[in-house]
PDB file of N, CA and C in Angstrom:
ATOM      1  N   MET A   1       0.874  46.479  25.787  1.00  0.00           N
ATOM      2  CA  MET A   1      -0.175  47.285  26.368  1.00  0.00           C
ATOM      3  C   MET A   1      -0.693  48.241  25.293  1.00  0.00           C
ATOM      4  N   THR A   2      -1.967  48.268  25.126  1.00  0.00           N
ATOM      5  CA  THR A   2      -2.541  49.146  24.117  1.00  0.00           C
ATOM      6  C   THR A   2      -2.691  50.556  24.664  1.00  0.00           C
ATOM      7  N   LEU A   3      -2.896  51.479  23.767  1.00  0.00           N
ATOM      8  CA  LEU A   3      -3.069  52.877  24.159  1.00  0.00           C
ATOM      9  C   LEU A   3      -4.313  53.032  25.034  1.00  0.00           C
ATOM     10  N   ARG A   4      -5.365  52.288  24.722  1.00  0.00           N
ATOM     11  CA  ARG A   4      -6.601  52.359  25.498  1.00  0.00           C
ATOM     12  C   ARG A   4      -6.368  51.945  26.945  1.00  0.00           C
ATOM     13  N   LEU A   5      -5.623  50.878  27.165  1.00  0.00           N
ATOM     14  CA  LEU A   5      -5.338  50.441  28.533  1.00  0.00           C
ATOM     15  C   LEU A   5      -4.403  51.399  29.251  1.00  0.00           C
ATOM     16  N   ALA A   6      -3.476  52.010  28.527  1.00  0.00           N
ATOM     17  CA  ALA A   6      -2.575  52.993  29.137  1.00  0.00           C
ATOM     18  C   ALA A   6      -3.362  54.215  29.609  1.00  0.00           C
ATOM     19  N   ILE A   7      -4.303  54.670  28.785  1.00  0.00           N
ATOM     20  CA  ILE A   7      -5.134  55.814  29.182  1.00  0.00           C
ATOM     21  C   ILE A   7      -6.006  55.438  30.374  1.00  0.00           C
ATOM     22  N   ALA A   8      -6.558  54.220  30.371  1.00  0.00           N
ATOM     23  CA  ALA A   8      -7.365  53.763  31.503  1.00  0.00           C
ATOM     24  C   ALA A   8      -6.531  53.714  32.779  1.00  0.00           C
ATOM     25  N   PHE A   9      -5.281  53.282  32.668  1.00  0.00           N
ATOM     26  CA  PHE A   9      -4.399  53.251  33.835  1.00  0.00           C
ATOM     27  C   PHE A   9      -4.160  54.663  34.377  1.00  0.00           C
ATOM     28  N   VAL A  10      -3.929  55.623  33.490  1.00  0.00           N
ATOM     29  CA  VAL A  10      -3.732  57.017  33.911  1.00  0.00           C
ATOM     30  C   VAL A  10      -5.004  57.545  34.578  1.00  0.00           C
ATOM     31  N   LEU A  11      -6.156  57.188  34.023  1.00  0.00           N
ATOM     32  CA  LEU A  11      -7.413  57.617  34.642  1.00  0.00           C
ATOM     33  C   LEU A  11      -7.600  56.998  36.022  1.00  0.00           C
ATOM     34  N   PHE A  12      -7.216  55.740  36.193  1.00  0.00           N
ATOM     35  CA  PHE A  12      -7.288  55.127  37.523  1.00  0.00           C
ATOM     36  C   PHE A  12      -6.351  55.831  38.503  1.00  0.00           C
ATOM     37  N   LEU A  13      -5.197  56.283  38.028  1.00  0.00           N
ATOM     38  CA  LEU A  13      -4.300  57.071  38.882  1.00  0.00           C
ATOM     39  C   LEU A  13      -4.950  58.403  39.265  1.00  0.00           C
ATOM     40  N   CYS A  14      -5.666  59.010  38.321  1.00  0.00           N
ATOM     41  CA  CYS A  14      -6.387  60.251  38.629  1.00  0.00           C
ATOM     42  C   CYS A  14      -7.472  60.016  39.676  1.00  0.00           C
ATOM     43  N   VAL A  15      -8.129  58.868  39.596  1.00  0.00           N
ATOM     44  CA  VAL A  15      -9.149  58.526  40.591  1.00  0.00           C
ATOM     45  C   VAL A  15      -8.524  58.503  41.981  1.00  0.00           C
ATOM     46  N   SER A  16      -7.358  57.853  42.096  1.00  0.00           N
ATOM     47  CA  SER A  16      -6.725  57.810  43.417  1.00  0.00           C
ATOM     48  C   SER A  16      -6.257  59.183  43.862  1.00  0.00           C
ATOM     49  N   GLY A  17      -5.756  59.986  42.949  1.00  0.00           N
ATOM     50  CA  GLY A  17      -5.300  61.329  43.320  1.00  0.00           C
ATOM     51  C   GLY A  17      -6.436  62.210  43.797  1.00  0.00           C
ATOM     52  N   PHE A  18      -7.539  62.214  43.053  1.00  0.00           N
ATOM     53  CA  PHE A  18      -8.676  63.030  43.476  1.00  0.00           C
ATOM     54  C   PHE A  18      -9.348  62.447  44.718  1.00  0.00           C
ATOM     55  N   GLY A  19      -9.315  61.131  44.879  1.00  0.00           N
ATOM     56  CA  GLY A  19      -9.836  60.526  46.105  1.00  0.00           C
ATOM     57  C   GLY A  19      -9.018  60.928  47.321  1.00  0.00           C
ATOM     58  N   PHE A  20      -7.699  60.968  47.142  1.00  0.00           N
ATOM     59  CA  PHE A  20      -6.827  61.425  48.231  1.00  0.00           C
ATOM     60  C   PHE A  20      -7.098  62.893  48.556  1.00  0.00           C
ATOM     61  N   ALA A  21      -7.291  63.708  47.521  1.00  0.00           N
ATOM     62  CA  ALA A  21      -7.591  65.122  47.745  1.00  0.00           C
ATOM     63  C   ALA A  21      -8.918  65.295  48.481  1.00  0.00           C
ATOM     64  N   ALA A  22      -9.926  64.487  48.128  1.00  0.00           N
ATOM     65  CA  ALA A  22     -11.216  64.558  48.813  1.00  0.00           C
ATOM     66  C   ALA A  22     -11.090  64.119  50.269  1.00  0.00           C
ATOM     67  N   THR A  23     -10.254  63.128  50.530  1.00  0.00           N
ATOM     68  CA  THR A  23     -10.028  62.683  51.908  1.00  0.00           C
ATOM     69  C   THR A  23      -9.318  63.764  52.716  1.00  0.00           C
ATOM     70  N   THR A  24      -8.345  64.415  52.107  1.00  0.00           N
ATOM     71  CA  THR A  24      -7.647  65.515  52.781  1.00  0.00           C
ATOM     72  C   THR A  24      -8.622  66.655  53.088  1.00  0.00           C
ATOM     73  N   THR A  25      -9.512  66.936  52.165  1.00  0.00           N
ATOM     74  CA  THR A  25     -10.522  67.968  52.394  1.00  0.00           C
ATOM     75  C   THR A  25     -11.469  67.551  53.514  1.00  0.00           C
ATOM     76  N   GLN A  26     -11.783  66.260  53.594  1.00  0.00           N
ATOM     77  CA  GLN A  26     -12.625  65.766  54.694  1.00  0.00           C
ATOM     78  C   GLN A  26     -11.966  66.050  56.044  1.00  0.00           C
ATOM     79  N   PHE A  27     -10.660  65.834  56.129  1.00  0.00           N
ATOM     80  CA  PHE A  27      -9.951  66.137  57.374  1.00  0.00           C
ATOM     81  C   PHE A  27      -9.983  67.636  57.673  1.00  0.00           C
ATOM     82  N   ALA A  28      -9.908  68.473  56.647  1.00  0.00           N
ATOM     83  CA  ALA A  28      -9.994  69.924  56.850  1.00  0.00           C
ATOM     84  C   ALA A  28     -11.384  70.316  57.349  1.00  0.00           C
ATOM     85  N   ILE A  29     -12.422  69.648  56.831  1.00  0.00           N
ATOM     86  CA  ILE A  29     -13.788  69.910  57.296  1.00  0.00           C
ATOM     87  C   ILE A  29     -13.924  69.523  58.766  1.00  0.00           C
ATOM     88  N   VAL A  30     -13.380  68.373  59.132  1.00  0.00           N
ATOM     89  CA  VAL A  30     -13.436  67.924  60.527  1.00  0.00           C
ATOM     90  C   VAL A  30     -12.706  68.930  61.422  1.00  0.00           C
ATOM     91  N   ASP A  31     -11.542  69.388  61.015  1.00  0.00           N
ATOM     92  CA  ASP A  31     -10.797  70.361  61.808  1.00  0.00           C
ATOM     93  C   ASP A  31     -11.566  71.675  61.949  1.00  0.00           C
ATOM     94  N   ALA A  32     -12.193  72.129  60.861  1.00  0.00           N
ATOM     95  CA  ALA A  32     -12.939  73.386  60.907  1.00  0.00           C
ATOM     96  C   ALA A  32     -14.151  73.273  61.825  1.00  0.00           C
ATOM     97  N   VAL A  33     -14.865  72.165  61.748  1.00  0.00           N
ATOM     98  CA  VAL A  33     -16.045  71.980  62.588  1.00  0.00           C
ATOM     99  C   VAL A  33     -15.631  71.806  64.044  1.00  0.00           C
ATOM    100  N   ASN A  34     -14.604  70.996  64.284  1.00  0.00           N
ATOM    101  CA  ASN A  34     -14.161  70.768  65.663  1.00  0.00           C
ATOM    102  C   ASN A  34     -13.645  72.038  66.322  1.00  0.00           C
ATOM    103  N   ALA A  35     -13.129  72.973  65.547  1.00  0.00           N
ATOM    104  CA  ALA A  35     -12.639  74.231  66.114  1.00  0.00           C
ATOM    105  C   ALA A  35     -13.763  75.057  66.726  1.00  0.00           C
ATOM    106  N   LYS A  36     -14.995  74.859  66.264  1.00  0.00           N
ATOM    107  CA  LYS A  36     -16.127  75.652  66.756  1.00  0.00           C
ATOM    108  C   LYS A  36     -17.069  74.873  67.669  1.00  0.00           C
ATOM    109  N   LEU A  37     -16.793  73.605  67.890  1.00  0.00           N
ATOM    110  CA  LEU A  37     -17.665  72.791  68.743  1.00  0.00           C
ATOM    111  C   LEU A  37     -17.040  72.596  70.123  1.00  0.00           C
ATOM    112  N   PRO A  38     -17.875  72.401  71.152  1.00  0.00           N
ATOM    113  CA  PRO A  38     -17.341  72.046  72.460  1.00  0.00           C
ATOM    114  C   PRO A  38     -16.662  70.678  72.398  1.00  0.00           C
ATOM    115  N   THR A  39     -15.786  70.416  73.331  1.00  0.00           N
ATOM    116  CA  THR A  39     -14.986  69.188  73.322  1.00  0.00           C
ATOM    117  C   THR A  39     -15.840  67.928  73.289  1.00  0.00           C
ATOM    118  N   ASP A  40     -16.932  67.902  74.019  1.00  0.00           N
ATOM    119  CA  ASP A  40     -17.743  66.684  74.073  1.00  0.00           C
ATOM    120  C   ASP A  40     -18.561  66.439  72.806  1.00  0.00           C
ATOM    121  N   GLU A  41     -18.683  67.430  71.910  1.00  0.00           N
ATOM    122  CA  GLU A  41     -19.442  67.277  70.674  1.00  0.00           C
ATOM    123  C   GLU A  41     -18.560  67.149  69.436  1.00  0.00           C
ATOM    124  N   GLN A  42     -17.248  67.136  69.616  1.00  0.00           N
ATOM    125  CA  GLN A  42     -16.338  67.108  68.466  1.00  0.00           C
ATOM    126  C   GLN A  42     -16.346  65.739  67.784  1.00  0.00           C
ATOM    127  N   PHE A  43     -15.976  65.759  66.519  1.00  0.00           N
ATOM    128  CA  PHE A  43     -15.940  64.549  65.703  1.00  0.00           C
ATOM    129  C   PHE A  43     -14.565  63.907  65.780  1.00  0.00           C
ATOM    130  N   ASP A  44     -14.561  62.578  65.892  1.00  0.00           N
ATOM    131  CA  ASP A  44     -13.319  61.818  65.816  1.00  0.00           C
ATOM    132  C   ASP A  44     -12.952  61.669  64.344  1.00  0.00           C
ATOM    133  N   VAL A  45     -11.673  61.710  64.018  1.00  0.00           N
ATOM    134  CA  VAL A  45     -11.261  61.658  62.609  1.00  0.00           C
ATOM    135  C   VAL A  45     -11.285  60.242  62.034  1.00  0.00           C
ATOM    136  N   PHE A  46     -11.516  59.237  62.847  1.00  0.00           N
ATOM    137  CA  PHE A  46     -11.524  57.864  62.366  1.00  0.00           C
ATOM    138  C   PHE A  46     -12.926  57.274  62.414  1.00  0.00           C
ATOM    139  N   TRP A  47     -13.113  56.118  61.756  1.00  0.00           N
ATOM    140  CA  TRP A  47     -14.335  55.319  61.773  1.00  0.00           C
ATOM    141  C   TRP A  47     -15.520  56.076  61.192  1.00  0.00           C
ATOM    142  N   TRP A  48     -15.451  56.369  59.886  1.00  0.00           N
ATOM    143  CA  TRP A  48     -16.525  57.088  59.211  1.00  0.00           C
ATOM    144  C   TRP A  48     -17.545  56.113  58.642  1.00  0.00           C
ATOM    145  N   TYR A  49     -18.810  56.478  58.758  1.00  0.00           N
ATOM    146  CA  TYR A  49     -19.923  55.734  58.214  1.00  0.00           C
ATOM    147  C   TYR A  49     -20.956  56.767  57.755  1.00  0.00           C
ATOM    148  N   PRO A  50     -21.962  56.377  56.965  1.00  0.00           N
ATOM    149  CA  PRO A  50     -22.847  57.368  56.340  1.00  0.00           C
ATOM    150  C   PRO A  50     -23.547  58.329  57.300  1.00  0.00           C
ATOM    151  N   SER A  51     -24.066  57.847  58.414  1.00  0.00           N
ATOM    152  CA  SER A  51     -24.783  58.766  59.313  1.00  0.00           C
ATOM    153  C   SER A  51     -23.827  59.741  59.998  1.00  0.00           C
ATOM    154  N   LYS A  52     -22.607  59.320  60.296  1.00  0.00           N
ATOM    155  CA  LYS A  52     -21.625  60.222  60.893  1.00  0.00           C
ATOM    156  C   LYS A  52     -21.207  61.286  59.878  1.00  0.00           C
ATOM    157  N   THR A  53     -21.026  60.879  58.628  1.00  0.00           N
ATOM    158  CA  THR A  53     -20.681  61.831  57.578  1.00  0.00           C
ATOM    159  C   THR A  53     -21.809  62.832  57.382  1.00  0.00           C
ATOM    160  N   SER A  54     -23.036  62.362  57.419  1.00  0.00           N
ATOM    161  CA  SER A  54     -24.186  63.252  57.281  1.00  0.00           C
ATOM    162  C   SER A  54     -24.253  64.256  58.425  1.00  0.00           C
ATOM    163  N   ARG A  55     -24.002  63.807  59.645  1.00  0.00           N
ATOM    164  CA  ARG A  55     -23.976  64.726  60.796  1.00  0.00           C
ATOM    165  C   ARG A  55     -22.874  65.767  60.644  1.00  0.00           C
ATOM    166  N   LEU A  56     -21.701  65.340  60.165  1.00  0.00           N
ATOM    167  CA  LEU A  56     -20.603  66.282  59.947  1.00  0.00           C
ATOM    168  C   LEU A  56     -20.980  67.321  58.903  1.00  0.00           C
ATOM    169  N   HIS A  57     -21.592  66.882  57.808  1.00  0.00           N
ATOM    170  CA  HIS A  57     -21.981  67.823  56.760  1.00  0.00           C
ATOM    171  C   HIS A  57     -23.035  68.803  57.262  1.00  0.00           C
ATOM    172  N   ARG A  58     -23.996  68.333  58.059  1.00  0.00           N
ATOM    173  CA  ARG A  58     -24.997  69.235  58.636  1.00  0.00           C
ATOM    174  C   ARG A  58     -24.338  70.251  59.562  1.00  0.00           C
ATOM    175  N   ALA A  59     -23.413  69.786  60.407  1.00  0.00           N
ATOM    176  CA  ALA A  59     -22.726  70.705  61.319  1.00  0.00           C
ATOM    177  C   ALA A  59     -21.893  71.716  60.539  1.00  0.00           C
ATOM    178  N   TYR A  60     -21.244  71.262  59.473  1.00  0.00           N
ATOM    179  CA  TYR A  60     -20.427  72.177  58.671  1.00  0.00           C
ATOM    180  C   TYR A  60     -21.304  73.224  57.992  1.00  0.00           C
ATOM    181  N   ARG A  61     -22.439  72.803  57.432  1.00  0.00           N
ATOM    182  CA  ARG A  61     -23.342  73.766  56.785  1.00  0.00           C
ATOM    183  C   ARG A  61     -23.919  74.761  57.793  1.00  0.00           C
ATOM    184  N   ARG A  62     -24.151  74.292  59.023  1.00  0.00           N
ATOM    185  CA  ARG A  62     -24.678  75.178  60.056  1.00  0.00           C
ATOM    186  C   ARG A  62     -23.624  76.192  60.492  1.00  0.00           C
ATOM    187  N   LEU A  63     -22.390  75.740  60.663  1.00  0.00           N
ATOM    188  CA  LEU A  63     -21.322  76.616  61.154  1.00  0.00           C
ATOM    189  C   LEU A  63     -20.691  77.460  60.053  1.00  0.00           C
ATOM    190  N   TYR A  64     -20.679  76.954  58.841  1.00  0.00           N
ATOM    191  CA  TYR A  64     -20.072  77.655  57.699  1.00  0.00           C
ATOM    192  C   TYR A  64     -21.086  77.664  56.548  1.00  0.00           C
ATOM    193  N   PRO A  65     -21.985  78.632  56.537  1.00  0.00           N
ATOM    194  CA  PRO A  65     -23.054  78.635  55.516  1.00  0.00           C
ATOM    195  C   PRO A  65     -22.548  78.729  54.076  1.00  0.00           C
ATOM    196  N   ASP A  66     -21.363  79.284  53.857  1.00  0.00           N
ATOM    197  CA  ASP A  66     -20.856  79.363  52.481  1.00  0.00           C
ATOM    198  C   ASP A  66     -20.495  77.985  51.938  1.00  0.00           C
ATOM    199  N   GLY A  67     -20.058  77.065  52.787  1.00  0.00           N
ATOM    200  CA  GLY A  67     -19.821  75.675  52.411  1.00  0.00           C
ATOM    201  C   GLY A  67     -18.707  75.453  51.409  1.00  0.00           C
ATOM    202  N   SER A  68     -17.656  76.252  51.438  1.00  0.00           N
ATOM    203  CA  SER A  68     -16.616  76.154  50.413  1.00  0.00           C
ATOM    204  C   SER A  68     -15.850  74.826  50.469  1.00  0.00           C
ATOM    205  N   LEU A  69     -15.531  74.343  51.655  1.00  0.00           N
ATOM    206  CA  LEU A  69     -14.808  73.066  51.747  1.00  0.00           C
ATOM    207  C   LEU A  69     -15.675  71.898  51.296  1.00  0.00           C
ATOM    208  N   LEU A  70     -16.937  71.938  51.642  1.00  0.00           N
ATOM    209  CA  LEU A  70     -17.836  70.872  51.237  1.00  0.00           C
ATOM    210  C   LEU A  70     -18.044  70.883  49.721  1.00  0.00           C
ATOM    211  N   ARG A  71     -18.133  72.066  49.155  1.00  0.00           N
ATOM    212  CA  ARG A  71     -18.249  72.182  47.700  1.00  0.00           C
ATOM    213  C   ARG A  71     -16.985  71.662  47.024  1.00  0.00           C
ATOM    214  N   ARG A  72     -15.816  71.997  47.584  1.00  0.00           N
ATOM    215  CA  ARG A  72     -14.556  71.517  47.030  1.00  0.00           C
ATOM    216  C   ARG A  72     -14.488  69.994  47.086  1.00  0.00           C
ATOM    217  N   GLN A  73     -14.903  69.418  48.203  1.00  0.00           N
ATOM    218  CA  GLN A  73     -14.881  67.961  48.326  1.00  0.00           C
ATOM    219  C   GLN A  73     -15.839  67.313  47.341  1.00  0.00           C
ATOM    220  N   GLY A  74     -16.988  67.911  47.129  1.00  0.00           N
ATOM    221  CA  GLY A  74     -17.935  67.385  46.156  1.00  0.00           C
ATOM    222  C   GLY A  74     -17.389  67.426  44.740  1.00  0.00           C
ATOM    223  N   ILE A  75     -16.692  68.497  44.389  1.00  0.00           N
ATOM    224  CA  ILE A  75     -16.085  68.608  43.059  1.00  0.00           C
ATOM    225  C   ILE A  75     -14.983  67.567  42.900  1.00  0.00           C
ATOM    226  N   GLN A  76     -14.166  67.398  43.916  1.00  0.00           N
ATOM    227  CA  GLN A  76     -13.098  66.392  43.845  1.00  0.00           C
ATOM    228  C   GLN A  76     -13.675  64.992  43.687  1.00  0.00           C
ATOM    229  N   ALA A  77     -14.720  64.696  44.422  1.00  0.00           N
ATOM    230  CA  ALA A  77     -15.354  63.378  44.310  1.00  0.00           C
ATOM    231  C   ALA A  77     -15.998  63.200  42.935  1.00  0.00           C
ATOM    232  N   ALA A  78     -16.607  64.251  42.399  1.00  0.00           N
ATOM    233  CA  ALA A  78     -17.232  64.158  41.079  1.00  0.00           C
ATOM    234  C   ALA A  78     -16.192  63.937  39.981  1.00  0.00           C
ATOM    235  N   VAL A  79     -15.066  64.638  40.064  1.00  0.00           N
ATOM    236  CA  VAL A  79     -14.010  64.450  39.061  1.00  0.00           C
ATOM    237  C   VAL A  79     -13.423  63.038  39.166  1.00  0.00           C
ATOM    238  N   ALA A  80     -13.224  62.561  40.383  1.00  0.00           N
ATOM    239  CA  ALA A  80     -12.725  61.196  40.568  1.00  0.00           C
ATOM    240  C   ALA A  80     -13.713  60.189  39.982  1.00  0.00           C
ATOM    241  N   PHE A  81     -14.984  60.405  40.223  1.00  0.00           N
ATOM    242  CA  PHE A  81     -16.010  59.511  39.696  1.00  0.00           C
ATOM    243  C   PHE A  81     -16.045  59.563  38.170  1.00  0.00           C
ATOM    244  N   PHE A  82     -15.939  60.758  37.588  1.00  0.00           N
ATOM    245  CA  PHE A  82     -15.935  60.903  36.133  1.00  0.00           C
ATOM    246  C   PHE A  82     -14.750  60.155  35.524  1.00  0.00           C
ATOM    247  N   CYS A  83     -13.576  60.285  36.145  1.00  0.00           N
ATOM    248  CA  CYS A  83     -12.399  59.552  35.661  1.00  0.00           C
ATOM    249  C   CYS A  83     -12.612  58.044  35.770  1.00  0.00           C
ATOM    250  N   LEU A  84     -13.267  57.605  36.836  1.00  0.00           N
ATOM    251  CA  LEU A  84     -13.539  56.179  37.016  1.00  0.00           C
ATOM    252  C   LEU A  84     -14.493  55.656  35.950  1.00  0.00           C
ATOM    253  N   VAL A  85     -15.521  56.431  35.622  1.00  0.00           N
ATOM    254  CA  VAL A  85     -16.460  56.012  34.582  1.00  0.00           C
ATOM    255  C   VAL A  85     -15.752  55.951  33.227  1.00  0.00           C
ATOM    256  N   LEU A  86     -14.903  56.950  32.935  1.00  0.00           N
ATOM    257  CA  LEU A  86     -14.145  56.914  31.682  1.00  0.00           C
ATOM    258  C   LEU A  86     -13.223  55.699  31.632  1.00  0.00           C
ATOM    259  N   ALA A  87     -12.576  55.400  32.740  1.00  0.00           N
ATOM    260  CA  ALA A  87     -11.660  54.258  32.778  1.00  0.00           C
ATOM    261  C   ALA A  87     -12.402  52.949  32.586  1.00  0.00           C
ATOM    262  N   THR A  88     -13.562  52.808  33.229  1.00  0.00           N
ATOM    263  CA  THR A  88     -14.329  51.570  33.052  1.00  0.00           C
ATOM    264  C   THR A  88     -14.831  51.432  31.621  1.00  0.00           C
ATOM    265  N   THR A  89     -15.120  52.543  30.976  1.00  0.00           N
ATOM    266  CA  THR A  89     -15.515  52.504  29.569  1.00  0.00           C
ATOM    267  C   THR A  89     -14.362  52.025  28.705  1.00  0.00           C
ATOM    268  N   LEU A  90     -13.171  52.547  28.967  1.00  0.00           N
ATOM    269  CA  LEU A  90     -12.007  52.163  28.177  1.00  0.00           C
ATOM    270  C   LEU A  90     -11.595  50.711  28.415  1.00  0.00           C
ATOM    271  N   VAL A  91     -11.776  50.230  29.626  1.00  0.00           N
ATOM    272  CA  VAL A  91     -11.402  48.850  29.947  1.00  0.00           C
ATOM    273  C   VAL A  91     -12.349  47.866  29.269  1.00  0.00           C
ATOM    274  N   GLY A  92     -13.573  48.289  29.019  1.00  0.00           N
ATOM    275  CA  GLY A  92     -14.501  47.418  28.304  1.00  0.00           C
ATOM    276  C   GLY A  92     -15.619  46.883  29.167  1.00  0.00           C
ATOM    277  N   LEU A  93     -16.082  47.668  30.114  1.00  0.00           N
ATOM    278  CA  LEU A  93     -17.186  47.230  30.970  1.00  0.00           C
ATOM    279  C   LEU A  93     -18.469  47.074  30.159  1.00  0.00           C
ATOM    280  N   GLY A  94     -18.570  47.770  29.040  1.00  0.00           N
ATOM    281  CA  GLY A  94     -19.766  47.706  28.216  1.00  0.00           C
ATOM    282  C   GLY A  94     -20.708  48.841  28.541  1.00  0.00           C
ATOM    283  N   PHE A  95     -21.556  49.167  27.588  1.00  0.00           N
ATOM    284  CA  PHE A  95     -22.461  50.303  27.760  1.00  0.00           C
ATOM    285  C   PHE A  95     -23.435  50.126  28.920  1.00  0.00           C
ATOM    286  N   PRO A  96     -24.143  49.001  29.039  1.00  0.00           N
ATOM    287  CA  PRO A  96     -25.083  48.869  30.169  1.00  0.00           C
ATOM    288  C   PRO A  96     -24.383  48.912  31.527  1.00  0.00           C
ATOM    289  N   GLY A  97     -23.230  48.265  31.638  1.00  0.00           N
ATOM    290  CA  GLY A  97     -22.501  48.284  32.900  1.00  0.00           C
ATOM    291  C   GLY A  97     -22.008  49.672  33.258  1.00  0.00           C
ATOM    292  N   THR A  98     -21.516  50.410  32.270  1.00  0.00           N
ATOM    293  CA  THR A  98     -21.028  51.770  32.515  1.00  0.00           C
ATOM    294  C   THR A  98     -22.174  52.695  32.896  1.00  0.00           C
ATOM    295  N   VAL A  99     -23.316  52.559  32.215  1.00  0.00           N
ATOM    296  CA  VAL A  99     -24.471  53.406  32.541  1.00  0.00           C
ATOM    297  C   VAL A  99     -24.975  53.101  33.948  1.00  0.00           C
ATOM    298  N   LEU A 100     -25.082  51.831  34.300  1.00  0.00           N
ATOM    299  CA  LEU A 100     -25.519  51.465  35.643  1.00  0.00           C
ATOM    300  C   LEU A 100     -24.541  51.992  36.689  1.00  0.00           C
ATOM    301  N   PHE A 101     -23.264  51.797  36.434  1.00  0.00           N
ATOM    302  CA  PHE A 101     -22.220  52.288  37.327  1.00  0.00           C
ATOM    303  C   PHE A 101     -22.314  53.804  37.464  1.00  0.00           C
ATOM    304  N   GLY A 102     -22.530  54.493  36.354  1.00  0.00           N
ATOM    305  CA  GLY A 102     -22.622  55.955  36.365  1.00  0.00           C
ATOM    306  C   GLY A 102     -23.833  56.453  37.116  1.00  0.00           C
ATOM    307  N   VAL A 103     -24.985  55.831  36.911  1.00  0.00           N
ATOM    308  CA  VAL A 103     -26.211  56.274  37.575  1.00  0.00           C
ATOM    309  C   VAL A 103     -26.109  56.069  39.088  1.00  0.00           C
ATOM    310  N   VAL A 104     -25.608  54.917  39.507  1.00  0.00           N
ATOM    311  CA  VAL A 104     -25.459  54.658  40.947  1.00  0.00           C
ATOM    312  C   VAL A 104     -24.479  55.655  41.564  1.00  0.00           C
ATOM    313  N   GLY A 105     -23.378  55.934  40.885  1.00  0.00           N
ATOM    314  CA  GLY A 105     -22.403  56.894  41.398  1.00  0.00           C
ATOM    315  C   GLY A 105     -22.955  58.306  41.470  1.00  0.00           C
ATOM    316  N   LEU A 106     -23.712  58.720  40.453  1.00  0.00           N
ATOM    317  CA  LEU A 106     -24.306  60.056  40.476  1.00  0.00           C
ATOM    318  C   LEU A 106     -25.330  60.198  41.596  1.00  0.00           C
ATOM    319  N   LEU A 107     -26.107  59.159  41.823  1.00  0.00           N
ATOM    320  CA  LEU A 107     -27.049  59.203  42.950  1.00  0.00           C
ATOM    321  C   LEU A 107     -26.310  59.337  44.271  1.00  0.00           C
ATOM    322  N   PHE A 108     -25.211  58.614  44.419  1.00  0.00           N
ATOM    323  CA  PHE A 108     -24.410  58.725  45.639  1.00  0.00           C
ATOM    324  C   PHE A 108     -23.882  60.152  45.810  1.00  0.00           C
ATOM    325  N   LEU A 109     -23.320  60.728  44.745  1.00  0.00           N
ATOM    326  CA  LEU A 109     -22.814  62.102  44.821  1.00  0.00           C
ATOM    327  C   LEU A 109     -23.931  63.080  45.160  1.00  0.00           C
ATOM    328  N   TRP A 110     -25.104  62.869  44.589  1.00  0.00           N
ATOM    329  CA  TRP A 110     -26.227  63.756  44.869  1.00  0.00           C
ATOM    330  C   TRP A 110     -26.606  63.710  46.350  1.00  0.00           C
ATOM    331  N   PHE A 111     -26.780  62.506  46.892  1.00  0.00           N
ATOM    332  CA  PHE A 111     -27.232  62.397  48.275  1.00  0.00           C
ATOM    333  C   PHE A 111     -26.182  62.829  49.283  1.00  0.00           C
ATOM    334  N   VAL A 112     -24.904  62.663  48.970  1.00  0.00           N
ATOM    335  CA  VAL A 112     -23.868  63.005  49.939  1.00  0.00           C
ATOM    336  C   VAL A 112     -23.470  64.478  49.859  1.00  0.00           C
ATOM    337  N   TYR A 113     -23.349  65.031  48.640  1.00  0.00           N
ATOM    338  CA  TYR A 113     -22.767  66.363  48.513  1.00  0.00           C
ATOM    339  C   TYR A 113     -23.714  67.440  48.011  1.00  0.00           C
ATOM    340  N   LEU A 114     -24.638  67.129  47.148  1.00  0.00           N
ATOM    341  CA  LEU A 114     -25.363  68.177  46.447  1.00  0.00           C
ATOM    342  C   LEU A 114     -26.760  68.463  46.969  1.00  0.00           C
ATOM    343  N   ARG A 115     -27.385  67.516  47.574  1.00  0.00           N
ATOM    344  CA  ARG A 115     -28.764  67.675  48.031  1.00  0.00           C
ATOM    345  C   ARG A 115     -28.810  68.654  49.195  1.00  0.00           C
ATOM    346  N   LYS A 116     -29.777  69.554  49.146  1.00  0.00           N
ATOM    347  CA  LYS A 116     -29.997  70.499  50.260  1.00  0.00           C
ATOM    348  C   LYS A 116     -30.799  69.795  51.336  1.00  0.00           C
ATOM    349  N   ARG A 117     -30.303  69.821  52.552  1.00  0.00           N
ATOM    350  CA  ARG A 117     -30.987  69.155  53.652  1.00  0.00           C
ATOM    351  C   ARG A 117     -31.795  70.179  54.449  1.00  0.00           C
ATOM    352  N   THR A 118     -32.903  69.740  54.946  1.00  0.00           N
ATOM    353  CA  THR A 118     -33.748  70.612  55.760  1.00  0.00           C
ATOM    354  C   THR A 118     -33.531  70.288  57.224  1.00  0.00           C
ATOM    355  N   THR A 119     -32.845  71.157  57.923  1.00  0.00           N
ATOM    356  CA  THR A 119     -32.632  71.004  59.371  1.00  0.00           C
ATOM    357  C   THR A 119     -32.561  72.330  60.021  1.00  0.00           C
TER     358      THR A 119
END
C-alpha cells in the first residue's frame, strides 16, 4: 500500500466520521424543532427526502433565527465533502473528474445549507 492510498483511506474515514456527526446534528435539529411544534406538525426522524429536509430547515430557521445547529451541520458536511474531494484526488480520479465532483458537491451544499430562503 502506498502512502497516497493510506492517506486517501484516512480521508475516507474522516468522511464517514463527519457524515456521522452531521447525521447526529440532524437528529438534534429534529428534536429542537419538534419540541416547539404541536404534535400533529412534528417531524418523523425516519424517511428523509429533499422536500422534507427543506421543510425542516425552514421550520428550524423560523423557530431558531440564530441557526447554530444548522450552521454546525453545514460545516460538518462541508468538511466531509472536502475530505472526499481530497481522497478522490489522491486515488486518481483525475483533474476533470475531481473538478466535476467538486462543483456538483458545492452546489449541493449551497442549496441545502447556505442559501437564504425567502419565506
